[in-house]
Amino acid sequence: MNVEGVCAISLPIILAHGIVPFDALYRPLLQVGLRRFLRPSDKYDYFSGIAGHLQNHGYTVFAPRVPFAAEVHKRALALKRRIDAILKNTGSDRVHIIAHSMGGLDARHMIVDFDMADRVATLTTIGTPHRGTCFADFGLAKVNWLIGFTGVLGLNLEGFRDLSTEAAAAFNERALNDEARNPVRYTTYVAHQSYERIFTPLKLPWKYIAGREGDNDGLVSVTSAAWTDRLGPKTVRQEAFPVPADHLNELAWWEPCELRAPRQERRPFKNKIRDAYLEMVRDAERES
């Protein structure tokens, strides 16, 4: 099958979600049949309408689930197992990964710690805290005890520790040589949004991060999301997100104007986001 802009044979696309994927709260309802009433059918998925948009352009897309907020090591191992199964079922030898937020850390840990460098052609990250986030440092300093307490109750929130600037720096140093030598092509996308247009629940972290790290998307600073432009001799391609965006905008989920704009004016923004993912996939194919 040939679709405009798509190779006849392309690698599977993996969409890797971040920590605390909010759609987990109502996902069972979608699975029992409500999805068929939605347009698009994946409208309320974590990656809102994005998988369907890519599929409509001829790509094979998977959005595997990993533990809700567990340690990055556990999330990375789960991602490896999901990708191994996808490779077996599709007969492909590699995948392209597009990861949002902590999903980018999951993928990097998976590649380095679980011998997956030869199974991943490209990794594109969006709003990933490669250098950690000072807001995680703040939260851990205030409510570190809560993580242990919820663990006793069966809710694993240990992954928040992996978002600290200290944890990120330690992994970046440990992983540098492996990431510099492996064949994976890395691309980072960074986004930021003005305070006035930030989704209200993100205003507090936006202010905190802005005062310490500068421009940010409400949870991750531009400098952290950009990571680095070099891994030894290898170039990391750094890109700006195509529109101003907060952490939810990056998923085609939220636009402040939606509450007051006519319905016909809302979709163009989300379409721009979905088209941005399509361009990421096409760029990944050119890189591999």
Foldseek 3Di string as FASTA:
>chain_A
DDFVLDDPDDAEEEEEEAAQQVCVVPVVVLVVPPLVVDVVSQCPGSLGCQCVLLVVRPHHYDYDDAARAAALLRRLVSVVVVLVVVCVVVVDQAYEYEYEACSLVSPLCNVQVVVCLRRYAEYEYELYQLQAAVVLVVVCVPPVVVQVVVVVVVRHNVRSVCRHNVNSVVVCVVCLVVVQPGNYAAEFEFAFADLVWQDVVLNVQQVVRCVPPNTHQSTHHRCRRQNDQDRPPHGYHYYYQPDHHHSSLLSLGDTVCVVPDPPVVSVVSSVSNSVSVVVVSSVSVVSD
